[in-house]
Amino acid sequence: MAHIRDVAETKANVTYFGRRCSGKTQSPFPQLHCVYLAEVGTHAIVDAMVAPCTTSEQCLAKGLLRSIGPGMLVMTDRGFVGVCFLQELVERSASFLGRISQHVFKHKQQILKDGSYLVTFLPKEYPGLKKPLTLRIIEYRIEEKVATRLEHITPSRVSSGSLSTNPDISKVHRIATTLLDPDLYGARDLCVLYHERWEIELAIDEIKDHQRLSSQPLRSKLPILVLQELYALLLAHYAIRAFLLQAAQTKGLDPDRVSFTEGIRVLKSGLNLSPFLTPARTDRALMRLHADLVHPHRLLPPRRLRFNCRVVKQTCTRFRRKKPEHQQVKLPSSTTFADLVVTGPPVSQRSPTPLGLLEIV
């Protein structure tokens, strides 16, 4: 999961983090690039790689391999799929499930009974690959009647060919996996499982809109302090999510039924009481806080299937975007507004000064 964050406009931050694009499309603030490794079920971010905004997601994703171990199922978006990266996952005894583009991995080496097929990559064809790597490719479509309705949803990106319809919905969607046995891992089951990856988008929303409660850039003025601020936010988010998981386990609930905003509210009340709690009473207080979170009136409803336009609700403005060349006009500190006021008509429109008289300005 990748994320771009704005940081404070200072010379040090601009030099270290940089800006995305240039010219008219240049980002108004310097930005950092984050790639997170997060649990789908709990929304807990367990590892993160942070770098200047020009660093690619694929490069940062390699740093997350340190936190991937045996038995894990790693789900990624299509931008992260690469044979060498997948080889690293296999060497760590982890499994992979990710979306792929329409034009890659098209050669069908073996068609399986559920319609999926296998492809094998050889070291001589892919530099850096140590031994042959076999993937299973699954293709699926959205049900025709539903796809027809979804075509009228506004596309996510302004760069799409159409501004009002989304014909890509009806196309074939493709996912790749290292889970090769169709009897143990059915194609439909893996398609449904991959859909759960979009839960991770809510983890970013929790940090940005509910935990920090601000759309402003990170406020630190120096790169080292920016990193400190970001990691503090991530550690706090992890602590909240761990607390919500403990509360959900007391009632055997899915963690996504427990409200993140309620978790922040309950934790704040608990922190206010913490100076007055003895060690013997701490466990009792935690049980009470857990009970508050899983009260039926505070639980979120079960996730429902929905498709929304991925559009941004924001105010349109007639003002230009602020850029570095837009500097303030600096006047001497002794200047007052009265010094700038000139009454009467402009000099060019004044009548000629009578001969022998002096004009006082």
Foldseek 3Di string as FASTA:
>chain_A
DKDKFFADAAPQLCVFQNWPDDDQPTDLGFIKMKDFDADLQLLATPDMFIGRPVDDPLVRVVVCLVVQAAPAEDEDEAVNDDPLSCVSCVVRNYKYKYWHDPPPPPDFPAADPLRKGKDKDACVVPPPDDGIDMKIKAKDADPPVVLVVQQQFAAQDPPDPDGGGHNCNGPITMMIISPPDCVVQPRVNSVVVSVSVCSNVVSVVCLCCQVVVDSDGHHDRHPVVSVVVVVVSSVVSNVLSVLLVVLCVVVVHRSQFFDSNLSVVLVVVVVVCVVVDDPVCPVVSSVVSSCVRPDVVRTHDPDDDDDHRNDDDDDDDPDRRDHPVPDDDDDPPPDDVVVVDDDDDDPVPDDDDDPPDDDDD
